[in-house]
Amino acid sequence: MMGGMSHEVTLMSRAGCHPCEIAKGELARICGELGVPWSEVDVDSDRELRAEYGDRVPVILVDGREHGYWRVEEARLRAALA
């Protein structure tokens, strides 16, 4: 990144979740355009993650902090990553 902080986006999701698939596509596109790394974590892989995020997936984390859930708010995400 040019003189700024680099960010990292994490998608908390689960298998068979249609909104998670939509969010994954949107994150791939947005983060790809902005050159921001992103990853996906299956909340069902860990009991604590399932307890925290399981009823709200997909959940988007920016730099480890919760940014939003259920859908990607593109303008808000771009502003957070700017």
C-alpha atoms as a PDB file:
ATOM      1  CA  MET A   1       0.000   0.000   0.000  1.00  0.00           C
ATOM      2  CA  MET A   2       1.179   3.490  -0.692  1.00  0.00           C
ATOM      3  CA  GLY A   3       2.154   4.969   2.646  1.00  0.00           C
ATOM      4  CA  GLY A   4      -1.010   3.735   4.349  1.00  0.00           C
ATOM      5  CA  MET A   5      -1.954   0.908   6.612  1.00  0.00           C
ATOM      6  CA  SER A   6      -2.655  -2.393   4.982  1.00  0.00           C
ATOM      7  CA  HIS A   7      -5.935  -3.991   5.897  1.00  0.00           C
ATOM      8  CA  GLU A   8      -7.169  -7.543   6.040  1.00  0.00           C
ATOM      9  CA  VAL A   9     -10.726  -8.750   5.554  1.00  0.00           C
ATOM     10  CA  THR A  10     -12.109 -11.992   6.964  1.00  0.00           C
ATOM     11  CA  LEU A  11     -15.398 -13.571   5.965  1.00  0.00           C
ATOM     12  CA  MET A  12     -16.984 -15.685   8.689  1.00  0.00           C
ATOM     13  CA  SER A  13     -19.193 -18.165   6.853  1.00  0.00           C
ATOM     14  CA  ARG A  14     -20.436 -21.744   6.724  1.00  0.00           C
ATOM     15  CA  ALA A  15     -20.934 -24.404   4.086  1.00  0.00           C
ATOM     16  CA  GLY A  16     -24.281 -24.408   2.306  1.00  0.00           C
ATOM     17  CA  CYS A  17     -24.989 -20.751   3.140  1.00  0.00           C
ATOM     18  CA  HIS A  18     -26.282 -18.924   0.045  1.00  0.00           C
ATOM     19  CA  PRO A  19     -25.761 -15.389   1.491  1.00  0.00           C
ATOM     20  CA  CYS A  20     -22.186 -16.459   2.353  1.00  0.00           C
ATOM     21  CA  GLU A  21     -21.567 -17.400  -1.287  1.00  0.00           C
ATOM     22  CA  ILE A  22     -22.862 -13.994  -2.408  1.00  0.00           C
ATOM     23  CA  ALA A  23     -20.646 -12.228   0.160  1.00  0.00           C
ATOM     24  CA  LYS A  24     -17.638 -14.296  -0.953  1.00  0.00           C
ATOM     25  CA  GLY A  25     -18.084 -13.145  -4.544  1.00  0.00           C
ATOM     26  CA  GLU A  26     -18.471  -9.523  -3.515  1.00  0.00           C
ATOM     27  CA  LEU A  27     -15.407  -9.637  -1.242  1.00  0.00           C
ATOM     28  CA  ALA A  28     -13.326 -11.294  -3.952  1.00  0.00           C
ATOM     29  CA  ARG A  29     -14.262  -8.511  -6.366  1.00  0.00           C
ATOM     30  CA  ILE A  30     -13.917  -5.545  -3.985  1.00  0.00           C
ATOM     31  CA  CYS A  31     -10.768  -6.731  -2.225  1.00  0.00           C
ATOM     32  CA  GLY A  32      -9.290  -7.745  -5.578  1.00  0.00           C
ATOM     33  CA  GLU A  33      -9.857  -4.257  -6.971  1.00  0.00           C
ATOM     34  CA  LEU A  34      -8.336  -2.650  -3.864  1.00  0.00           C
ATOM     35  CA  GLY A  35      -5.465  -5.122  -3.477  1.00  0.00           C
ATOM     36  CA  VAL A  36      -6.604  -6.058   0.037  1.00  0.00           C
ATOM     37  CA  PRO A  37      -6.002  -9.624   1.235  1.00  0.00           C
ATOM     38  CA  TRP A  38      -9.017 -11.540   2.464  1.00  0.00           C
ATOM     39  CA  SER A  39      -9.734 -14.971   3.836  1.00  0.00           C
ATOM     40  CA  GLU A  40     -12.676 -17.126   4.771  1.00  0.00           C
ATOM     41  CA  VAL A  41     -13.256 -18.975   8.055  1.00  0.00           C
ATOM     42  CA  ASP A  42     -15.936 -21.633   8.552  1.00  0.00           C
ATOM     43  CA  VAL A  43     -17.702 -20.801  11.832  1.00  0.00           C
ATOM     44  CA  ASP A  44     -18.690 -24.445  12.210  1.00  0.00           C
ATOM     45  CA  SER A  45     -15.010 -25.419  12.504  1.00  0.00           C
ATOM     46  CA  ASP A  46     -14.835 -24.075  16.063  1.00  0.00           C
ATOM     47  CA  ARG A  47     -17.399 -24.097  18.884  1.00  0.00           C
ATOM     48  CA  GLU A  48     -16.529 -20.558  20.035  1.00  0.00           C
ATOM     49  CA  LEU A  49     -16.776 -19.146  16.515  1.00  0.00           C
ATOM     50  CA  ARG A  50     -20.125 -20.874  16.015  1.00  0.00           C
ATOM     51  CA  ALA A  51     -21.390 -19.444  19.318  1.00  0.00           C
ATOM     52  CA  GLU A  52     -20.254 -15.914  18.430  1.00  0.00           C
ATOM     53  CA  TYR A  53     -21.109 -15.691  14.723  1.00  0.00           C
ATOM     54  CA  GLY A  54     -23.263 -18.700  13.844  1.00  0.00           C
ATOM     55  CA  ASP A  55     -26.662 -16.985  13.817  1.00  0.00           C
ATOM     56  CA  ARG A  56     -25.450 -13.982  11.793  1.00  0.00           C
ATOM     57  CA  VAL A  57     -23.331 -15.411   8.983  1.00  0.00           C
ATOM     58  CA  PRO A  58     -21.981 -14.099   6.786  1.00  0.00           C
ATOM     59  CA  VAL A  59     -20.047 -11.775   9.108  1.00  0.00           C
ATOM     60  CA  ILE A  60     -17.366  -9.490   7.667  1.00  0.00           C
ATOM     61  CA  LEU A  61     -14.368  -8.605   9.825  1.00  0.00           C
ATOM     62  CA  VAL A  62     -11.954  -5.805   8.937  1.00  0.00           C
ATOM     63  CA  ASP A  63      -8.616  -6.077  10.723  1.00  0.00           C
ATOM     64  CA  GLY A  64     -10.148  -8.584  13.149  1.00  0.00           C
ATOM     65  CA  ARG A  65     -13.024  -6.322  14.177  1.00  0.00           C
ATOM     66  CA  GLU A  66     -16.626  -6.882  13.200  1.00  0.00           C
ATOM     67  CA  HIS A  67     -17.606  -4.633  10.298  1.00  0.00           C
ATOM     68  CA  GLY A  68     -21.001  -6.003   9.325  1.00  0.00           C
ATOM     69  CA  TYR A  69     -23.120  -9.073   8.820  1.00  0.00           C
ATOM     70  CA  TRP A  70     -25.725 -10.701   6.550  1.00  0.00           C
ATOM     71  CA  ARG A  71     -24.569  -8.703   3.514  1.00  0.00           C
ATOM     72  CA  VAL A  72     -21.644  -6.698   2.182  1.00  0.00           C
ATOM     73  CA  GLU A  73     -22.280  -2.946   2.259  1.00  0.00           C
ATOM     74  CA  GLU A  74     -19.927  -2.060  -0.569  1.00  0.00           C
ATOM     75  CA  ALA A  75     -19.618   1.721  -0.045  1.00  0.00           C
ATOM     76  CA  ARG A  76     -19.057   1.264   3.691  1.00  0.00           C
ATOM     77  CA  LEU A  77     -16.503  -1.507   3.157  1.00  0.00           C
ATOM     78  CA  ARG A  78     -14.596   0.550   0.579  1.00  0.00           C
ATOM     79  CA  ALA A  79     -14.512   3.496   3.005  1.00  0.00           C
ATOM     80  CA  ALA A  80     -13.177   1.274   5.801  1.00  0.00           C
ATOM     81  CA  LEU A  81     -10.429  -0.032   3.501  1.00  0.00           C
ATOM     82  CA  ALA A  82      -9.488   3.361   2.024  1.00  0.00           C
END
